[in-house]
Protein backbone atom coordinates (compact mmCIF):
# COMPACT_ATOMS: atom_id res chain seq x y z
CA MET A 1 134.38 -45.27 152.63
CA SER A 2 137.26 -46.33 150.16
CA ALA A 3 140.58 -44.78 150.47
CA GLN A 4 140.53 -43.13 147.26
CA LEU A 5 137.46 -41.11 147.77
CA PRO A 6 137.48 -37.50 148.84
CA LEU A 7 136.53 -36.49 152.25
CA VAL A 8 134.57 -33.54 151.23
CA PRO A 9 132.82 -32.57 148.00
CA SER A 10 134.94 -31.39 145.35
CA ALA A 11 132.80 -28.47 144.48
CA GLU A 12 129.70 -26.68 145.64
CA PRO A 13 126.39 -28.42 144.91
CA MET A 14 125.55 -28.18 141.25
CA GLU A 15 122.43 -26.66 139.79
CA ILE A 16 120.19 -29.52 138.87
CA ARG A 17 120.30 -28.81 134.98
CA ALA A 18 124.05 -28.96 134.92
CA LEU A 19 123.99 -32.00 137.12
CA ILE A 20 121.62 -34.01 134.83
CA GLU A 21 123.73 -33.03 131.88
CA ALA A 22 126.92 -34.04 133.55
CA VAL A 23 125.42 -37.37 134.50
CA ARG A 24 124.16 -37.81 130.92
CA GLU A 25 127.90 -37.07 129.42
CA ARG A 26 129.81 -38.99 132.08
CA PHE A 27 127.66 -42.28 132.01
CA GLY A 28 126.12 -42.12 128.66
CA LEU A 29 122.65 -42.45 129.86
CA ALA A 30 119.83 -42.07 127.35
CA GLU A 31 116.78 -42.24 129.60
CA ILE A 32 116.60 -39.30 132.16
CA ARG A 33 112.84 -38.65 132.72
CA ASP A 34 110.72 -36.41 134.67
CA GLY A 35 110.19 -37.95 138.00
CA GLU A 36 107.15 -38.80 139.95
CA ALA A 37 105.53 -36.24 141.98
CA GLY A 38 107.99 -34.45 144.37
CA ILE A 39 110.96 -35.76 142.35
CA ILE A 40 112.28 -33.62 139.71
CA TYR A 41 114.30 -36.06 137.62
CA THR A 42 114.57 -39.96 137.43
CA VAL A 43 117.62 -41.36 136.14
CA VAL A 44 117.03 -44.79 134.73
CA LEU A 45 119.62 -47.42 134.58
CA GLU A 46 119.95 -50.33 132.19
CA LYS A 47 123.26 -51.53 133.43
CA ARG A 48 123.05 -52.25 137.12
CA GLU A 49 127.17 -52.39 137.31
CA ILE A 50 127.19 -48.51 137.05
CA LEU A 51 124.93 -47.96 140.06
CA PRO A 52 127.75 -47.62 142.79
CA GLU A 53 129.90 -45.41 140.52
CA LEU A 54 126.94 -42.99 139.59
CA CYS A 55 125.85 -42.85 143.42
CA ARG A 56 129.48 -42.00 144.24
CA PHE A 57 129.70 -39.08 141.67
CA LEU A 58 126.34 -37.64 142.81
CA PHE A 59 127.23 -37.70 146.34
CA TRP A 60 130.90 -36.73 146.25
CA ASP A 61 131.53 -35.01 143.16
CA CYS A 62 128.12 -33.19 142.72
CA GLY A 63 127.73 -32.41 146.60
CA CYS A 64 124.37 -34.19 146.65
CA GLY A 65 123.03 -35.46 149.82
CA LEU A 66 121.52 -39.15 150.20
CA GLY A 67 117.96 -39.17 150.98
CA GLY A 68 117.85 -43.00 151.30
CA LEU A 69 116.75 -46.04 149.47
CA ILE A 70 113.18 -47.04 148.33
CA VAL A 71 112.51 -50.73 147.47
CA GLU A 72 109.30 -51.65 145.89
CA GLU A 73 108.07 -55.23 144.91
CA ARG A 74 106.42 -54.58 141.61
CA PRO A 75 104.33 -57.06 139.67
CA ASN A 76 107.14 -57.60 137.22
CA GLY A 77 109.94 -57.61 139.72
CA TRP A 78 112.05 -55.30 141.89
CA SER A 79 112.32 -51.45 141.68
CA LEU A 80 115.19 -49.96 143.73
CA SER A 81 115.33 -45.86 144.02
CA CYS A 82 118.25 -44.23 145.43
CA LEU A 83 117.18 -40.56 146.37
CA PHE A 84 119.51 -37.71 146.12
CA LEU A 85 119.06 -34.22 147.31
CA VAL A 86 120.30 -31.48 145.09
CA PRO A 87 120.60 -28.60 147.52
CA GLY A 88 118.37 -25.79 146.43
CA SER A 89 116.91 -27.60 143.52
CA GLY A 90 115.10 -30.76 144.83
CA TRP A 91 115.28 -34.38 144.55
CA ILE A 92 116.48 -36.81 141.84
CA SER A 93 116.06 -40.42 141.85
CA VAL A 94 118.51 -43.20 140.36
CA LEU A 95 116.17 -45.95 139.47
CA LEU A 96 117.32 -49.51 138.96
CA GLU A 97 114.39 -52.03 137.92
CA LEU A 98 115.07 -55.86 138.29
CA PRO A 99 113.12 -58.65 136.46
CA SER A 100 111.30 -61.36 138.40
CA GLY A 101 113.72 -63.83 139.60
CA VAL A 102 116.65 -61.42 140.06
CA ASN A 103 117.15 -60.27 143.70
CA SER A 104 120.53 -58.95 143.97
CA VAL A 105 122.18 -55.46 143.24
CA PRO A 106 125.56 -54.06 143.59
CA SER A 107 126.18 -52.51 146.96
CA ILE A 108 126.85 -48.85 147.09
CA SER A 109 127.99 -48.45 150.61
CA ALA A 110 131.57 -48.72 149.93
CA GLN A 111 131.19 -45.51 147.73
CA VAL A 112 128.59 -43.83 149.81
CA HIS A 113 129.01 -44.92 153.41
CA ALA A 114 125.78 -43.37 154.47
CA ALA A 115 123.90 -46.01 152.53
CA ASP A 116 125.20 -48.81 154.92
CA TRP A 117 122.16 -49.14 157.01
CA HIS A 118 119.67 -48.52 154.30
CA GLU A 119 120.96 -51.59 152.37
CA ARG A 120 120.89 -53.64 155.50
CA GLU A 121 117.20 -52.76 156.17
CA ALA A 122 116.30 -53.59 152.68
CA GLU A 123 117.98 -57.02 152.90
CA ASP A 124 116.22 -57.92 156.32
CA LEU A 125 112.93 -56.69 155.33
CA PHE A 126 112.70 -57.67 151.57
CA GLY A 127 115.47 -60.42 151.24
CA LEU A 128 117.16 -58.21 148.58
CA GLN A 129 120.84 -59.04 148.32
CA PHE A 130 123.57 -56.19 147.98
CA GLU A 131 126.62 -57.73 146.52
CA GLY A 132 129.85 -56.61 148.09
CA HIS A 133 128.28 -55.36 151.41
CA PRO A 134 130.58 -56.61 154.20
CA ARG A 135 127.90 -57.36 156.63
CA LEU A 136 124.07 -58.25 155.87
CA GLY A 137 121.62 -59.80 158.29
CA ASP A 138 121.17 -59.55 161.91
CA PHE A 139 120.16 -55.92 161.87
CA ILE A 140 116.19 -55.05 162.19
CA LEU A 141 115.40 -58.78 162.73
CA HIS A 142 117.93 -59.91 165.44
CA ASP A 143 119.36 -63.28 164.83
CA GLN A 144 118.76 -64.32 168.45
CA ILE A 145 115.00 -63.48 168.05
CA TRP A 146 113.88 -63.83 164.55
CA PRO A 147 114.25 -66.57 161.93
CA GLU A 148 116.32 -66.34 158.83
CA GLY A 149 114.69 -65.46 155.48
CA LEU A 150 111.47 -64.12 156.81
CA ALA A 151 111.61 -60.86 154.75
CA PRO A 152 108.12 -59.51 156.40
CA GLN A 153 107.87 -56.78 153.59
CA ARG A 154 107.29 -59.14 150.98
CA LYS A 155 103.94 -59.12 149.20
CA GLN A 156 103.07 -62.85 150.15
CA VAL A 157 103.54 -62.09 153.97
CA ASP A 158 100.10 -61.61 155.70
CA ALA A 159 100.57 -58.91 158.23
CA ASN A 160 97.56 -60.05 160.05
CA ARG A 161 98.76 -63.68 160.74
CA ALA A 162 101.42 -64.69 163.05
CA ARG A 163 104.50 -66.18 161.17
CA PHE A 164 106.29 -67.99 164.00
CA GLU A 165 106.70 -68.19 167.73
CA ARG A 166 109.50 -66.00 168.80
CA ARG A 167 112.04 -67.89 170.92
CA PRO A 168 115.38 -66.27 172.23
CA ASN A 169 118.59 -68.10 170.59
CA SER A 170 120.75 -68.95 173.48
CA GLU A 171 123.61 -69.68 171.07
CA TRP A 172 123.67 -66.10 169.62
CA ARG A 173 126.87 -64.15 170.17
CA PRO A 174 127.60 -60.68 168.91
CA LEU A 175 130.31 -60.10 166.24
CA LEU A 176 133.22 -58.61 167.95
CA VAL A 177 135.96 -56.83 166.20
CA VAL A 178 138.60 -55.84 169.04
CA GLN A 179 140.70 -58.93 169.67
CA ASP A 180 143.62 -57.43 171.53
CA PRO A 181 144.75 -59.07 174.80
CA GLY A 182 142.41 -57.84 177.50
CA ALA A 183 139.83 -56.73 175.26
CA PHE A 184 136.15 -57.10 176.48
CA ALA A 185 132.75 -56.05 175.38
CA MET A 186 130.33 -54.27 177.65
CA PRO A 187 126.64 -54.66 176.90
CA MET A 188 124.31 -51.70 177.89
CA GLY A 189 120.58 -52.52 177.53
CA PRO A 190 118.46 -53.70 175.73
CA VAL A 191 116.48 -51.76 178.41
CA TYR A 192 118.70 -48.65 178.63
CA GLU A 193 117.14 -45.55 180.25
CA GLY A 194 119.95 -42.84 179.61
CA GLY A 195 117.21 -40.13 179.46
CA ILE A 196 115.57 -41.86 176.51
CA GLY A 197 113.36 -44.59 178.03
CA GLU A 198 113.45 -46.74 174.96
CA PRO A 199 114.55 -50.37 174.36
CA LEU A 200 118.32 -49.93 173.22
CA HIS A 201 120.97 -52.03 173.40
CA PHE A 202 124.70 -50.95 172.90
CA ILE A 203 127.80 -53.12 172.78
CA LEU A 204 130.84 -51.25 173.67
CA GLU A 205 134.17 -52.83 172.97
CA THR A 206 137.38 -51.60 174.70
CA VAL A 207 140.87 -52.64 176.21
CA GLY A 208 140.70 -50.13 178.95
CA GLU A 209 138.70 -46.87 179.87
CA ASP A 210 138.09 -45.63 176.29
CA VAL A 211 135.58 -47.00 173.78
CA VAL A 212 137.23 -48.71 170.83
CA ARG A 213 134.18 -49.81 169.00
CA ALA A 214 130.44 -48.91 169.60
CA VAL A 215 127.68 -50.78 168.00
CA PRO A 216 124.12 -49.45 168.66
CA ARG A 217 121.56 -52.17 168.35
CA LEU A 218 117.92 -50.88 167.90
CA PHE A 219 114.72 -52.31 166.52
CA TYR A 220 113.79 -54.38 169.68
CA LYS A 221 110.10 -53.22 169.37
CA TYR A 222 109.95 -53.30 165.42
CA ARG A 223 106.15 -52.88 164.61
CA GLY A 224 106.14 -53.37 161.06
CA VAL A 225 104.14 -50.03 160.48
CA GLU A 226 104.80 -49.91 156.80
CA LYS A 227 103.67 -53.52 156.34
CA VAL A 228 100.58 -52.87 158.37
CA ALA A 229 99.68 -49.80 156.21
CA GLU A 230 99.46 -51.69 153.02
CA GLY A 231 95.90 -52.02 151.85
CA GLU A 232 94.80 -49.29 154.33
CA THR A 233 93.04 -46.22 153.44
CA VAL A 234 95.05 -42.84 153.69
CA ASP A 235 93.33 -41.89 156.90
CA GLN A 236 94.08 -45.19 158.35
CA ALA A 237 97.70 -44.83 157.20
CA LEU A 238 97.99 -41.34 158.56
CA LEU A 239 97.06 -42.63 162.01
CA LEU A 240 100.23 -44.80 161.80
CA ALA A 241 102.51 -42.24 160.32
CA GLU A 242 101.89 -39.81 163.12
CA ARG A 243 102.22 -42.30 165.82
CA PHE A 244 105.40 -44.34 165.50
CA ALA A 245 107.35 -41.42 167.02
CA ALA A 246 105.65 -38.93 169.44
CA THR A 247 108.62 -36.52 169.66
CA ALA A 248 108.11 -35.92 165.92
CA SER A 249 104.45 -36.75 165.18
CA PHE A 250 103.40 -33.52 163.61
CA ALA A 251 106.46 -33.46 161.40
CA HIS A 252 105.87 -37.19 160.25
CA SER A 253 102.01 -36.48 159.62
CA LEU A 254 103.11 -33.35 157.75
CA GLY A 255 105.57 -35.47 155.39
CA PHE A 256 102.93 -38.17 154.83
CA CYS A 257 100.20 -35.68 154.00
CA GLN A 258 102.51 -33.76 151.39
CA ALA A 259 103.03 -37.01 149.77
CA VAL A 260 99.21 -37.57 149.58
CA GLU A 261 98.89 -34.05 148.30
CA ARG A 262 101.05 -34.36 145.45
CA ILE A 263 99.37 -37.50 144.42
CA TRP A 264 95.92 -35.94 144.61
CA ASN A 265 97.10 -32.79 143.12
CA LEU A 266 96.05 -30.69 146.05
CA ASP A 267 96.93 -27.02 146.94
CA VAL A 268 96.91 -26.28 150.55
CA PRO A 269 95.40 -22.81 151.25
CA PRO A 270 97.85 -20.01 152.40
CA ARG A 271 96.33 -19.98 155.81
CA GLY A 272 96.66 -23.73 156.27
CA ARG A 273 100.47 -23.76 155.20
CA GLN A 274 100.98 -20.83 157.76
CA LEU A 275 99.34 -22.78 160.50
CA ARG A 276 101.37 -25.82 159.73
CA VAL A 277 104.47 -23.75 160.19
CA VAL A 278 103.27 -22.76 163.69
CA LEU A 279 102.70 -26.30 164.69
CA ALA A 280 105.99 -27.46 163.18
CA GLU A 281 108.14 -25.15 164.94
CA LEU A 282 106.08 -25.60 168.00
CA GLU A 283 106.91 -29.16 168.03
CA ARG A 284 110.81 -28.33 167.30
CA LEU A 285 110.89 -25.95 170.00
CA ARG A 286 109.57 -28.31 172.53
CA HIS A 287 111.59 -31.26 171.17
CA HIS A 288 114.87 -29.29 171.55
CA ALA A 289 113.84 -28.18 175.17
CA GLY A 290 113.60 -31.84 176.04
CA THR A 291 117.00 -32.64 174.41
CA ILE A 292 118.57 -29.66 176.50
CA ALA A 293 116.95 -31.01 179.58
CA GLY A 294 118.51 -34.55 178.88
CA ILE A 295 121.99 -32.90 178.26
CA CYS A 296 121.68 -31.09 181.59
CA GLU A 297 120.63 -34.39 183.38
CA SER A 298 123.46 -36.52 181.82
CA THR A 299 126.01 -34.06 183.38
CA ALA A 300 124.61 -34.51 186.84
CA LEU A 301 123.12 -30.87 186.64
CA ALA A 302 119.77 -31.82 188.41
CA VAL A 303 118.80 -28.41 189.22
CA ALA A 304 119.19 -27.18 185.65
CA GLY A 305 117.89 -30.41 184.23
CA SER A 306 114.69 -29.83 186.32
CA GLN A 307 114.34 -26.32 185.23
CA VAL A 308 114.35 -27.06 181.40
CA THR A 309 112.03 -29.92 182.09
CA ILE A 310 109.57 -27.72 183.44
CA ILE A 311 109.87 -25.56 180.40
CA GLU A 312 109.24 -28.62 178.14
CA GLU A 313 106.19 -29.30 180.20
CA GLN A 314 105.05 -25.65 179.84
CA LEU A 315 105.35 -26.19 176.07
CA LEU A 316 103.30 -29.37 176.23
CA ARG A 317 100.50 -27.88 178.24
CA ALA A 318 100.47 -24.93 175.73
CA SER A 319 100.27 -27.40 172.95
CA CYS A 320 97.46 -29.24 174.58
CA GLN A 321 95.63 -25.90 175.29
CA PHE A 322 96.19 -24.77 171.61
CA THR A 323 95.27 -28.02 169.80
CA GLY A 324 93.66 -30.43 172.40
CA HIS A 325 96.63 -32.75 172.19
CA ARG A 326 99.98 -32.49 174.08
CA TYR A 327 101.94 -34.02 170.95
CA LEU A 328 99.84 -32.41 168.19
CA PHE A 329 97.99 -35.79 167.10
CA GLY A 330 95.23 -35.45 164.67
CA MET A 331 96.10 -31.84 163.38
CA ASN A 332 97.13 -32.73 159.82
CA VAL A 333 94.91 -33.96 157.15
CA PRO A 334 95.57 -34.27 153.30
CA GLY A 335 94.60 -30.96 151.84
CA GLY A 336 95.61 -28.72 155.33
CA LEU A 337 94.52 -28.82 158.82
CA ARG A 338 91.72 -30.51 160.49
CA ARG A 339 90.66 -27.08 162.36
CA ASP A 340 91.42 -23.41 162.33
CA PHE A 341 92.46 -21.23 165.38
CA GLU A 342 90.97 -17.94 166.73
CA LYS A 343 93.24 -14.97 167.13
CA THR A 344 92.98 -15.15 170.89
CA ALA A 345 94.30 -18.73 170.99
CA LEU A 346 97.38 -17.68 168.88
CA ASP A 347 98.05 -14.68 171.11
CA GLU A 348 97.89 -16.93 174.18
CA LEU A 349 100.23 -19.54 172.36
CA ASN A 350 102.59 -16.79 171.48
CA ARG A 351 102.79 -15.57 174.94
CA GLU A 352 103.46 -19.11 176.29
CA VAL A 353 106.28 -19.53 173.71
CA SER A 354 107.91 -16.21 174.71
CA GLU A 355 107.77 -16.85 178.39
CA ALA A 356 109.31 -20.43 177.81
CA VAL A 357 112.08 -18.95 175.56
CA LYS A 358 112.73 -16.05 178.03
CA ARG A 359 113.27 -18.76 180.67
CA LEU A 360 115.40 -20.84 178.34
CA HIS A 361 117.64 -17.77 177.60
CA ALA A 362 118.38 -17.29 181.26
CA ILE A 363 119.13 -21.09 181.77
CA GLU A 364 121.55 -20.74 178.72
CA GLY A 365 123.34 -17.93 180.30
CA ARG A 366 123.92 -19.63 183.46
CA LEU A 367 125.14 -22.86 181.74
CA TYR A 368 127.62 -21.17 179.76
CA PHE A 369 129.31 -19.99 182.90
CA THR A 370 129.17 -23.42 184.62
CA SER A 371 132.72 -24.78 184.19
CA SER A 372 131.95 -28.35 185.30
CA PHE A 373 129.15 -28.41 182.70
CA LEU A 374 131.32 -27.26 179.94
CA ASP A 375 134.19 -29.45 180.83
CA ARG A 376 131.94 -32.50 180.10
CA LEU A 377 131.05 -31.17 176.69
CA GLU A 378 133.76 -29.28 175.19
CA ASP A 379 136.01 -31.59 172.97
CA VAL A 380 133.70 -34.50 173.91
CA GLY A 381 131.93 -36.70 171.29
CA LYS A 382 133.52 -34.85 168.41
CA VAL A 383 132.37 -35.50 164.90
CA THR A 384 134.52 -33.84 162.25
CA PRO A 385 132.95 -32.19 159.31
CA GLU A 386 134.57 -34.91 157.09
CA SER A 387 132.98 -37.78 159.07
CA ALA A 388 129.63 -35.79 159.18
CA ARG A 389 129.71 -35.66 155.35
CA ASP A 390 130.73 -39.27 155.00
CA LEU A 391 127.91 -40.35 157.17
CA ASN A 392 125.29 -37.81 155.92
CA LEU A 393 124.45 -36.54 159.32
CA LEU A 394 121.20 -34.63 159.51
CA GLY A 395 119.56 -31.75 161.62
CA PRO A 396 121.34 -30.25 164.65
CA VAL A 397 123.81 -33.09 164.82
CA GLY A 398 125.04 -32.37 161.25
CA ARG A 399 124.72 -28.62 161.43
CA ALA A 400 127.03 -28.81 164.59
CA SER A 401 129.48 -30.29 162.46
CA GLY A 402 129.46 -27.91 159.63
CA ILE A 403 126.73 -29.56 157.45
CA GLY A 404 124.19 -26.79 157.02
CA HIS A 405 121.49 -28.76 154.95
CA ASP A 406 117.99 -27.77 156.08
CA LEU A 407 114.85 -28.87 154.14
CA ARG A 408 113.15 -25.82 154.99
CA ARG A 409 115.66 -23.93 152.71
CA GLU A 410 117.26 -26.74 150.67
CA CYS A 411 113.79 -27.96 149.44
CA THR A 412 111.25 -25.56 150.65
CA TYR A 413 107.77 -26.40 151.68
CA SER A 414 104.64 -25.32 153.42
CA GLY A 415 105.44 -21.49 152.94
CA TYR A 416 108.78 -21.48 154.79
CA GLU A 417 110.21 -19.55 151.88
CA ASN A 418 108.20 -16.50 153.02
CA TYR A 419 109.83 -16.29 156.28
CA PRO A 420 113.47 -15.11 156.76
CA PHE A 421 115.56 -17.25 159.05
CA GLU A 422 119.12 -18.29 159.57
CA ILE A 423 120.40 -21.77 159.59
CA PRO A 424 122.69 -22.10 162.85
CA ARG A 425 125.91 -23.90 162.09
CA GLU A 426 128.89 -24.69 164.11
CA MET A 427 132.09 -26.44 163.26
CA GLU A 428 133.48 -27.91 166.23
CA GLY A 429 131.41 -31.01 166.09
CA ASP A 430 131.42 -31.60 169.91
CA GLY A 431 128.70 -31.74 172.57
CA TYR A 432 129.06 -28.06 173.13
CA ALA A 433 128.49 -27.30 169.55
CA ARG A 434 125.38 -29.47 169.40
CA LEU A 435 124.11 -27.80 172.50
CA ARG A 436 124.53 -24.36 171.00
CA VAL A 437 122.77 -25.39 167.84
CA LEU A 438 119.83 -26.47 169.89
CA PHE A 439 119.55 -23.39 171.85
CA GLN A 440 119.83 -21.19 168.58
CA GLU A 441 117.31 -23.38 166.70
CA ALA A 442 114.96 -23.14 169.60
CA TYR A 443 114.96 -19.41 169.57
CA GLN A 444 114.63 -19.37 165.76
CA SER A 445 111.51 -21.73 166.24
CA SER A 446 109.84 -18.93 168.47
CA ALA A 447 110.59 -16.31 165.98
CA LEU A 448 108.98 -18.16 163.22
CA ILE A 449 105.91 -19.03 165.17
CA ARG A 450 105.67 -15.28 165.89
CA GLN A 451 106.16 -14.46 162.14
CA ALA A 452 103.76 -16.92 160.85
CA SER A 453 101.06 -15.99 163.35
CA GLU A 454 101.36 -12.30 162.60
CA SER A 455 101.16 -12.85 158.85
CA LEU A 456 98.22 -15.19 158.76
CA LYS A 457 95.95 -14.83 155.82
CA PRO A 458 92.12 -15.09 155.86
CA GLY A 459 90.51 -18.14 154.52
CA PRO A 460 90.02 -21.81 154.78
CA VAL A 461 92.76 -24.13 156.26
CA ALA A 462 92.15 -27.18 154.20
CA VAL A 463 90.79 -28.19 150.71
CA ALA A 464 88.89 -31.50 149.97
CA GLY A 465 90.61 -33.99 147.53
CA THR A 466 89.48 -36.85 145.39
CA PRO A 467 91.41 -40.11 145.91
CA ARG A 468 93.46 -41.19 142.86
CA PRO A 469 96.29 -43.77 142.09
CA GLY A 470 100.06 -42.48 141.91
CA ALA A 471 103.25 -42.24 143.82
CA ALA A 472 104.91 -39.25 145.45
CA LEU A 473 107.58 -38.14 147.86
CA GLY A 474 106.84 -36.20 150.90
CA TRP A 475 109.58 -34.34 152.78
CA VAL A 476 109.77 -32.29 156.06
CA GLU A 477 112.71 -31.07 158.42
CA ALA A 478 111.68 -32.87 161.70
CA PRO A 479 113.14 -31.70 165.00
CA ILE A 480 116.02 -34.13 164.64
CA GLY A 481 116.50 -33.63 160.78
CA ALA A 482 115.29 -34.40 157.40
CA ALA A 483 112.53 -37.00 157.17
CA LEU A 484 111.04 -38.49 153.91
CA HIS A 485 107.73 -40.26 153.16
CA TRP A 486 107.44 -42.30 150.07
CA LEU A 487 103.65 -43.30 149.26
CA ARG A 488 102.08 -45.25 146.41
CA LEU A 489 98.53 -45.53 146.19
CA ASP A 490 96.56 -47.98 144.06
CA ASP A 491 93.55 -47.67 141.86
CA GLU A 492 91.25 -47.93 144.85
CA GLY A 493 93.09 -45.05 146.71
CA ARG A 494 94.56 -47.52 149.19
CA VAL A 495 98.24 -47.63 150.33
CA GLU A 496 100.32 -50.05 147.97
CA ARG A 497 103.69 -49.11 149.37
CA TYR A 498 104.75 -46.78 152.35
CA HIS A 499 108.20 -46.07 153.28
CA ALA A 500 109.41 -43.66 155.85
CA ILE A 501 112.96 -42.48 155.89
CA THR A 502 113.67 -41.04 159.49
CA SER A 503 116.34 -38.72 160.47
CA SER A 504 117.04 -40.73 163.74
CA PHE A 505 117.87 -43.74 161.36
CA ASN A 506 120.43 -41.74 159.60
CA ASN A 507 122.09 -40.25 162.64
CA TRP A 508 122.05 -43.45 164.70
CA HIS A 509 124.37 -44.97 162.04
CA GLY A 510 126.71 -42.07 162.73
CA PHE A 511 126.51 -42.15 166.40
CA ARG A 512 129.40 -44.61 166.83
CA VAL A 513 131.85 -42.17 165.40
CA ALA A 514 131.15 -39.77 168.31
CA VAL A 515 131.58 -42.40 171.11
CA GLU A 516 134.61 -44.40 169.90
CA ASN A 517 137.92 -43.15 171.45
CA PHE A 518 136.05 -41.38 174.21
CA ALA A 519 135.89 -42.69 177.97
CA PHE A 520 133.01 -44.74 179.07
CA GLN A 521 131.83 -41.97 181.40
CA ASP A 522 131.30 -39.72 178.46
CA PHE A 523 128.97 -42.22 176.77
CA PRO A 524 125.61 -40.94 178.36
CA ILE A 525 126.54 -37.48 177.66
CA ILE A 526 127.24 -38.01 174.17
CA LEU A 527 124.13 -39.85 173.69
CA ALA A 528 122.00 -37.02 175.26
CA THR A 529 123.80 -34.53 172.93
CA PHE A 530 122.59 -36.36 169.76
CA GLY A 531 118.72 -36.40 171.13
CA LEU A 532 117.78 -39.27 168.99
CA SER A 533 114.65 -41.35 168.80
CA ALA A 534 114.62 -45.22 169.08
CA ALA A 535 110.94 -45.15 168.14
CA GLU A 536 111.43 -43.64 164.71
CA CYS A 537 113.70 -46.70 163.88
CA ASP A 538 111.59 -49.31 165.41
CA ARG A 539 108.59 -48.36 163.25
């Protein structure tokens, strides 16, 4: 972030119409049109040079949140959309179209730091260049494994044909920043357990006991899900969307289905929307229980960790008994849910959830009186509200640092507007604040499951749709935070472009801020309090 930028928004988020008029007046833009399905307005840029300043204005001066970047290779050139959330109003897009032969745009990451990883992703996968970005390449496609210039998301790349033989590059060395006398880099991974069990590599630079610089390196199992989805039917692409991250499978399938529903102009029946709330909150509750168990284990509280793991297992078994799958696979379909549920099954689910939450309450009370546990969390891994805003941190991590955005409220969907609930928020930004938010959200999920179950309306849970071409944005507040699914369907109803912007992708970018300037022994604890998923990035 450049020095002249404010650290916090200068004002409360603007109402959408006032924002659009401010943009029109300040930048002299003639074309601001209704956006495609799910996006309220699209601001069309004729001059690429104003892109960074316009994005800076939206993010800092207008209090918008960054959704992410959507790159599309169109028949006549490139299309780059920068998505912004206007809290309480919806999404707007800043659209820049490039003619054939032009493959570079001004970088916005100096003005909106949160866009850093999004630009690096687009450069690696499409070959699109971002002028002024300090470090492109060696990101998703690691230089020690992948050849330069592959750009696997380009249209001419055939996902069904092997492009090269991967061979490790023995000459590769990481880019180190700390050069003081006695400085060294400690590698951790690429097989790093740490309660996650996913392939992660961390480079921790130091001159003593404290981490001076931390670099998370993910994408070791990059699967090209978005490329594989191209040309597939909606049903086939849905299987991919709900399987790249099991800890949030229902959330991602819901976001994908909402994009399809907007393209096909489907109105999900009230009962289907209510049951989606039940299942989404069941997934959130189970995820948070698993994260709390990981925090206990990271602080060597083996007994407490085991007790919460039992609760997580209880919720997984309840999910399986209720739906037929522990991770809620196969429940969402475009137009609603695949099946309905009897009242007896709902009553049994509520009993299981109530019992799990009761046990979670008891463990929370004991944890808060365990001084050795609190000593490892309080004032450890702090992320200030200013840094959280700068990095656009999402979900429980952002809310623990005072950023209270929640798409269930800010851009409501699936009937959440019918259920009163509070968005927990803390200001300390340390591991203890993140733990408190997790507990509060878990109890909130239990209450939402009960409210939605008790207010179920009679009727169908799904409607059939007719495939049609178009593009739309689907969104969902996943357990880790906001997740977006952009989908474009061709004339045959097949996927032309699919892009998932996950909450873990955003929060991994900000993870280093929590780790730096803390001791090595704090690293696994801070990692556990973030509750992130590598699979959401490695899609």
